[in-house]
Amino acid sequence: MAMGHVVLKEFHAANARAKSGYFRDYIKQYTDMPMLVLLRDNDGMLVPAHFLQASHLADNLDNAQ
C-alpha cells in the first residue's frame, strides 16, 4: 500500500502527465488500487469506512457514474 500511495501522490496527483489513459488502465488491471479502503476516526482509532471510489477523486478519473 505504501508503494501505491507514493505512485498516486508523486506521479498521479502532482504530475499532469498522469492524465494518460495508460496510467489509469495499468492501475486498474495490475494493482490492488481498486480495493483501497477509506478510513474514518472512531474515538481516536482509524477504522475502515468504505472502498475508495472514482467519485472521491478529482474529475472522477474520467469515469461515468
PDB file of N, CA and C in Angstrom:
ATOM      1  N   MET A   1       0.815  -1.183   0.000  1.00  0.00           N
ATOM      2  CA  MET A   1       0.000   0.000   0.000  1.00  0.00           C
ATOM      3  C   MET A   1       0.866   1.257   0.000  1.00  0.00           C
ATOM      4  N   ALA A   2       2.022   1.178   0.604  1.00  0.00           N
ATOM      5  CA  ALA A   2       2.899   2.341   0.615  1.00  0.00           C
ATOM      6  C   ALA A   2       3.346   2.691  -0.794  1.00  0.00           C
ATOM      7  N   MET A   3       3.660   1.677  -1.588  1.00  0.00           N
ATOM      8  CA  MET A   3       4.051   1.924  -2.974  1.00  0.00           C
ATOM      9  C   MET A   3       2.906   2.584  -3.735  1.00  0.00           C
ATOM     10  N   GLY A   4       1.704   2.111  -3.525  1.00  0.00           N
ATOM     11  CA  GLY A   4       0.548   2.711  -4.175  1.00  0.00           C
ATOM     12  C   GLY A   4       0.360   4.160  -3.788  1.00  0.00           C
ATOM     13  N   HIS A   5       0.598   4.470  -2.518  1.00  0.00           N
ATOM     14  CA  HIS A   5       0.486   5.847  -2.048  1.00  0.00           C
ATOM     15  C   HIS A   5       1.498   6.750  -2.749  1.00  0.00           C
ATOM     16  N   VAL A   6       2.734   6.286  -2.844  1.00  0.00           N
ATOM     17  CA  VAL A   6       3.776   7.087  -3.499  1.00  0.00           C
ATOM     18  C   VAL A   6       3.436   7.297  -4.968  1.00  0.00           C
ATOM     19  N   VAL A   7       3.003   6.262  -5.650  1.00  0.00           N
ATOM     20  CA  VAL A   7       2.653   6.391  -7.064  1.00  0.00           C
ATOM     21  C   VAL A   7       1.513   7.378  -7.243  1.00  0.00           C
ATOM     22  N   LEU A   8       0.465   7.240  -6.446  1.00  0.00           N
ATOM     23  CA  LEU A   8      -0.663   8.170  -6.564  1.00  0.00           C
ATOM     24  C   LEU A   8      -0.264   9.599  -6.257  1.00  0.00           C
ATOM     25  N   LYS A   9       0.510   9.800  -5.202  1.00  0.00           N
ATOM     26  CA  LYS A   9       0.855  11.152  -4.784  1.00  0.00           C
ATOM     27  C   LYS A   9       1.869  11.806  -5.717  1.00  0.00           C
ATOM     28  N   GLU A  10       2.962  11.120  -5.998  1.00  0.00           N
ATOM     29  CA  GLU A  10       4.048  11.741  -6.756  1.00  0.00           C
ATOM     30  C   GLU A  10       3.848  11.680  -8.267  1.00  0.00           C
ATOM     31  N   PHE A  11       3.168  10.679  -8.764  1.00  0.00           N
ATOM     32  CA  PHE A  11       3.007  10.596 -10.212  1.00  0.00           C
ATOM     33  C   PHE A  11       1.642  11.111 -10.648  1.00  0.00           C
ATOM     34  N   HIS A  12       0.600  10.628 -10.029  1.00  0.00           N
ATOM     35  CA  HIS A  12      -0.745  10.963 -10.494  1.00  0.00           C
ATOM     36  C   HIS A  12      -1.226  12.325 -10.000  1.00  0.00           C
ATOM     37  N   ALA A  13      -1.167  12.585  -8.714  1.00  0.00           N
ATOM     38  CA  ALA A  13      -1.713  13.824  -8.162  1.00  0.00           C
ATOM     39  C   ALA A  13      -0.857  15.040  -8.484  1.00  0.00           C
ATOM     40  N   ALA A  14       0.453  14.883  -8.485  1.00  0.00           N
ATOM     41  CA  ALA A  14       1.336  16.039  -8.633  1.00  0.00           C
ATOM     42  C   ALA A  14       1.871  16.229 -10.046  1.00  0.00           C
ATOM     43  N   ASN A  15       1.451  15.385 -10.978  1.00  0.00           N
ATOM     44  CA  ASN A  15       2.060  15.430 -12.298  1.00  0.00           C
ATOM     45  C   ASN A  15       0.993  15.393 -13.381  1.00  0.00           C
ATOM     46  N   ALA A  16       0.967  16.368 -14.235  1.00  0.00           N
ATOM     47  CA  ALA A  16      -0.043  16.448 -15.296  1.00  0.00           C
ATOM     48  C   ALA A  16       0.090  15.303 -16.301  1.00  0.00           C
ATOM     49  N   ARG A  17       1.295  14.726 -16.430  1.00  0.00           N
ATOM     50  CA  ARG A  17       1.474  13.604 -17.360  1.00  0.00           C
ATOM     51  C   ARG A  17       0.608  12.414 -16.982  1.00  0.00           C
ATOM     52  N   ALA A  18       0.232  12.324 -15.727  1.00  0.00           N
ATOM     53  CA  ALA A  18      -0.507  11.168 -15.233  1.00  0.00           C
ATOM     54  C   ALA A  18      -1.934  11.109 -15.758  1.00  0.00           C
ATOM     55  N   LYS A  19      -2.354  12.103 -16.480  1.00  0.00           N
ATOM     56  CA  LYS A  19      -3.701  12.088 -17.031  1.00  0.00           C
ATOM     57  C   LYS A  19      -3.813  11.099 -18.182  1.00  0.00           C
ATOM     58  N   SER A  20      -2.721  10.414 -18.488  1.00  0.00           N
ATOM     59  CA  SER A  20      -2.735   9.481 -19.618  1.00  0.00           C
ATOM     60  C   SER A  20      -3.607   8.276 -19.308  1.00  0.00           C
ATOM     61  N   GLY A  21      -4.211   7.757 -20.347  1.00  0.00           N
ATOM     62  CA  GLY A  21      -5.012   6.553 -20.205  1.00  0.00           C
ATOM     63  C   GLY A  21      -4.174   5.351 -19.809  1.00  0.00           C
ATOM     64  N   TYR A  22      -2.893   5.363 -20.208  1.00  0.00           N
ATOM     65  CA  TYR A  22      -2.006   4.251 -19.865  1.00  0.00           C
ATOM     66  C   TYR A  22      -1.930   4.060 -18.357  1.00  0.00           C
ATOM     67  N   PHE A  23      -1.747   5.152 -17.599  1.00  0.00           N
ATOM     68  CA  PHE A  23      -1.622   5.045 -16.148  1.00  0.00           C
ATOM     69  C   PHE A  23      -2.907   4.498 -15.537  1.00  0.00           C
ATOM     70  N   ARG A  24      -4.050   5.039 -15.920  1.00  0.00           N
ATOM     71  CA  ARG A  24      -5.327   4.567 -15.374  1.00  0.00           C
ATOM     72  C   ARG A  24      -5.569   3.111 -15.727  1.00  0.00           C
ATOM     73  N   ASP A  25      -5.307   2.734 -16.965  1.00  0.00           N
ATOM     74  CA  ASP A  25      -5.511   1.348 -17.377  1.00  0.00           C
ATOM     75  C   ASP A  25      -4.582   0.406 -16.624  1.00  0.00           C
ATOM     76  N   TYR A  26      -3.335   0.827 -16.420  1.00  0.00           N
ATOM     77  CA  TYR A  26      -2.368  -0.010 -15.708  1.00  0.00           C
ATOM     78  C   TYR A  26      -2.812  -0.265 -14.273  1.00  0.00           C
ATOM     79  N   ILE A  27      -3.193   0.786 -13.541  1.00  0.00           N
ATOM     80  CA  ILE A  27      -3.563   0.570 -12.139  1.00  0.00           C
ATOM     81  C   ILE A  27      -4.845  -0.238 -12.011  1.00  0.00           C
ATOM     82  N   LYS A  28      -5.745  -0.099 -12.972  1.00  0.00           N
ATOM     83  CA  LYS A  28      -6.981  -0.885 -12.926  1.00  0.00           C
ATOM     84  C   LYS A  28      -6.713  -2.364 -13.160  1.00  0.00           C
ATOM     85  N   GLN A  29      -5.772  -2.679 -14.042  1.00  0.00           N
ATOM     86  CA  GLN A  29      -5.534  -4.064 -14.411  1.00  0.00           C
ATOM     87  C   GLN A  29      -4.522  -4.772 -13.517  1.00  0.00           C
ATOM     88  N   TYR A  30      -3.463  -4.071 -13.087  1.00  0.00           N
ATOM     89  CA  TYR A  30      -2.340  -4.755 -12.440  1.00  0.00           C
ATOM     90  C   TYR A  30      -2.121  -4.442 -10.963  1.00  0.00           C
ATOM     91  N   THR A  31      -2.918  -3.595 -10.360  1.00  0.00           N
ATOM     92  CA  THR A  31      -2.679  -3.268  -8.950  1.00  0.00           C
ATOM     93  C   THR A  31      -3.922  -3.520  -8.106  1.00  0.00           C
ATOM     94  N   ASP A  32      -3.749  -3.384  -6.804  1.00  0.00           N
ATOM     95  CA  ASP A  32      -4.880  -3.542  -5.895  1.00  0.00           C
ATOM     96  C   ASP A  32      -5.522  -2.195  -5.563  1.00  0.00           C
ATOM     97  N   MET A  33      -5.164  -1.150  -6.300  1.00  0.00           N
ATOM     98  CA  MET A  33      -5.711   0.167  -6.001  1.00  0.00           C
ATOM     99  C   MET A  33      -7.236   0.220  -6.065  1.00  0.00           C
ATOM    100  N   PRO A  34      -7.893  -0.576  -6.939  1.00  0.00           N
ATOM    101  CA  PRO A  34      -9.359  -0.541  -6.905  1.00  0.00           C
ATOM    102  C   PRO A  34      -9.937  -1.033  -5.586  1.00  0.00           C
ATOM    103  N   MET A  35      -9.110  -1.651  -4.738  1.00  0.00           N
ATOM    104  CA  MET A  35      -9.599  -2.186  -3.472  1.00  0.00           C
ATOM    105  C   MET A  35      -9.175  -1.340  -2.266  1.00  0.00           C
ATOM    106  N   LEU A  36      -8.723  -0.124  -2.486  1.00  0.00           N
ATOM    107  CA  LEU A  36      -8.309   0.729  -1.378  1.00  0.00           C
ATOM    108  C   LEU A  36      -9.509   1.098  -0.512  1.00  0.00           C
ATOM    109  N   VAL A  37      -9.278   1.200   0.776  1.00  0.00           N
ATOM    110  CA  VAL A  37     -10.344   1.476   1.737  1.00  0.00           C
ATOM    111  C   VAL A  37     -10.084   2.819   2.410  1.00  0.00           C
ATOM    112  N   LEU A  38     -11.116   3.635   2.486  1.00  0.00           N
ATOM    113  CA  LEU A  38     -11.013   4.895   3.227  1.00  0.00           C
ATOM    114  C   LEU A  38     -11.155   4.607   4.710  1.00  0.00           C
ATOM    115  N   LEU A  39     -10.479   5.396   5.509  1.00  0.00           N
ATOM    116  CA  LEU A  39     -10.541   5.228   6.955  1.00  0.00           C
ATOM    117  C   LEU A  39     -11.295   6.387   7.590  1.00  0.00           C
ATOM    118  N   ARG A  40     -11.904   6.117   8.739  1.00  0.00           N
ATOM    119  CA  ARG A  40     -12.567   7.179   9.499  1.00  0.00           C
ATOM    120  C   ARG A  40     -12.104   7.088  10.949  1.00  0.00           C
ATOM    121  N   ASP A  41     -12.192   8.212  11.631  1.00  0.00           N
ATOM    122  CA  ASP A  41     -11.778   8.269  13.033  1.00  0.00           C
ATOM    123  C   ASP A  41     -12.920   7.785  13.915  1.00  0.00           C
ATOM    124  N   ASN A  42     -12.615   6.852  14.808  1.00  0.00           N
ATOM    125  CA  ASN A  42     -13.606   6.328  15.740  1.00  0.00           C
ATOM    126  C   ASN A  42     -12.990   6.339  17.132  1.00  0.00           C
ATOM    127  N   ASP A  43     -13.246   7.402  17.877  1.00  0.00           N
ATOM    128  CA  ASP A  43     -12.700   7.557  19.231  1.00  0.00           C
ATOM    129  C   ASP A  43     -11.177   7.441  19.258  1.00  0.00           C
ATOM    130  N   GLY A  44     -10.515   8.128  18.320  1.00  0.00           N
ATOM    131  CA  GLY A  44      -9.066   8.146  18.285  1.00  0.00           C
ATOM    132  C   GLY A  44      -8.429   6.987  17.552  1.00  0.00           C
ATOM    133  N   MET A  45      -9.232   6.069  17.041  1.00  0.00           N
ATOM    134  CA  MET A  45      -8.702   4.939  16.276  1.00  0.00           C
ATOM    135  C   MET A  45      -9.201   5.039  14.841  1.00  0.00           C
ATOM    136  N   LEU A  46      -8.354   4.672  13.888  1.00  0.00           N
ATOM    137  CA  LEU A  46      -8.772   4.639  12.499  1.00  0.00           C
ATOM    138  C   LEU A  46      -9.387   3.275  12.191  1.00  0.00           C
ATOM    139  N   VAL A  47     -10.595   3.309  11.655  1.00  0.00           N
ATOM    140  CA  VAL A  47     -11.307   2.077  11.295  1.00  0.00           C
ATOM    141  C   VAL A  47     -11.745   2.173   9.836  1.00  0.00           C
ATOM    142  N   PRO A  48     -11.922   1.040   9.163  1.00  0.00           N
ATOM    143  CA  PRO A  48     -12.352   1.075   7.768  1.00  0.00           C
ATOM    144  C   PRO A  48     -13.721   1.731   7.633  1.00  0.00           C
ATOM    145  N   ALA A  49     -13.869   2.547   6.604  1.00  0.00           N
ATOM    146  CA  ALA A  49     -15.158   3.189   6.352  1.00  0.00           C
ATOM    147  C   ALA A  49     -15.820   2.538   5.137  1.00  0.00           C
ATOM    148  N   HIS A  50     -15.221   2.694   3.962  1.00  0.00           N
ATOM    149  CA  HIS A  50     -15.749   2.090   2.740  1.00  0.00           C
ATOM    150  C   HIS A  50     -14.674   2.113   1.655  1.00  0.00           C
ATOM    151  N   PHE A  51     -14.947   1.395   0.570  1.00  0.00           N
ATOM    152  CA  PHE A  51     -13.986   1.341  -0.536  1.00  0.00           C
ATOM    153  C   PHE A  51     -13.868   2.702  -1.203  1.00  0.00           C
ATOM    154  N   LEU A  52     -12.655   3.032  -1.619  1.00  0.00           N
ATOM    155  CA  LEU A  52     -12.404   4.244  -2.385  1.00  0.00           C
ATOM    156  C   LEU A  52     -13.076   4.103  -3.740  1.00  0.00           C
ATOM    157  N   GLN A  53     -13.764   5.160  -4.171  1.00  0.00           N
ATOM    158  CA  GLN A  53     -14.445   5.159  -5.464  1.00  0.00           C
ATOM    159  C   GLN A  53     -13.894   6.287  -6.317  1.00  0.00           C
ATOM    160  N   ALA A  54     -14.048   6.166  -7.618  1.00  0.00           N
ATOM    161  CA  ALA A  54     -13.574   7.203  -8.539  1.00  0.00           C
ATOM    162  C   ALA A  54     -14.204   8.543  -8.191  1.00  0.00           C
ATOM    163  N   SER A  55     -15.428   8.535  -7.690  1.00  0.00           N
ATOM    164  CA  SER A  55     -16.108   9.789  -7.361  1.00  0.00           C
ATOM    165  C   SER A  55     -15.448  10.534  -6.206  1.00  0.00           C
ATOM    166  N   HIS A  56     -14.584   9.868  -5.444  1.00  0.00           N
ATOM    167  CA  HIS A  56     -13.849  10.521  -4.362  1.00  0.00           C
ATOM    168  C   HIS A  56     -12.632  11.277  -4.873  1.00  0.00           C
ATOM    169  N   LEU A  57     -12.230  11.054  -6.129  1.00  0.00           N
ATOM    170  CA  LEU A  57     -11.020  11.630  -6.682  1.00  0.00           C
ATOM    171  C   LEU A  57     -11.359  12.761  -7.657  1.00  0.00           C
ATOM    172  N   ALA A  58     -10.362  13.564  -7.940  1.00  0.00           N
ATOM    173  CA  ALA A  58     -10.553  14.700  -8.847  1.00  0.00           C
ATOM    174  C   ALA A  58     -11.009  14.218 -10.217  1.00  0.00           C
ATOM    175  N   ASP A  59     -12.009  14.864 -10.748  1.00  0.00           N
ATOM    176  CA  ASP A  59     -12.547  14.564 -12.083  1.00  0.00           C
ATOM    177  C   ASP A  59     -13.059  13.140 -12.234  1.00  0.00           C
ATOM    178  N   ASN A  60     -13.331  12.463 -11.152  1.00  0.00           N
ATOM    179  CA  ASN A  60     -13.837  11.080 -11.165  1.00  0.00           C
ATOM    180  C   ASN A  60     -12.983  10.149 -12.015  1.00  0.00           C
ATOM    181  N   LEU A  61     -11.711  10.488 -12.207  1.00  0.00           N
ATOM    182  CA  LEU A  61     -10.804   9.721 -13.066  1.00  0.00           C
ATOM    183  C   LEU A  61     -11.400   9.541 -14.454  1.00  0.00           C
ATOM    184  N   ASP A  62     -12.194  10.503 -14.873  1.00  0.00           N
ATOM    185  CA  ASP A  62     -12.844  10.489 -16.179  1.00  0.00           C
ATOM    186  C   ASP A  62     -13.796   9.306 -16.347  1.00  0.00           C
ATOM    187  N   ASN A  63     -14.323   8.782 -15.250  1.00  0.00           N
ATOM    188  CA  ASN A  63     -15.288   7.686 -15.324  1.00  0.00           C
ATOM    189  C   ASN A  63     -16.703   8.228 -15.182  1.00  0.00           C
ATOM    190  N   ALA A  64     -17.624   7.629 -15.902  1.00  0.00           N
ATOM    191  CA  ALA A  64     -19.035   7.999 -15.751  1.00  0.00           C
ATOM    192  C   ALA A  64     -19.555   7.375 -14.464  1.00  0.00           C
ATOM    193  N   GLN A  65     -20.517   8.021 -13.853  1.00  0.00           N
ATOM    194  CA  GLN A  65     -21.067   7.477 -12.602  1.00  0.00           C
ATOM    195  C   GLN A  65     -22.233   6.566 -12.849  1.00  0.00           C
TER     196      GLN A  65
END
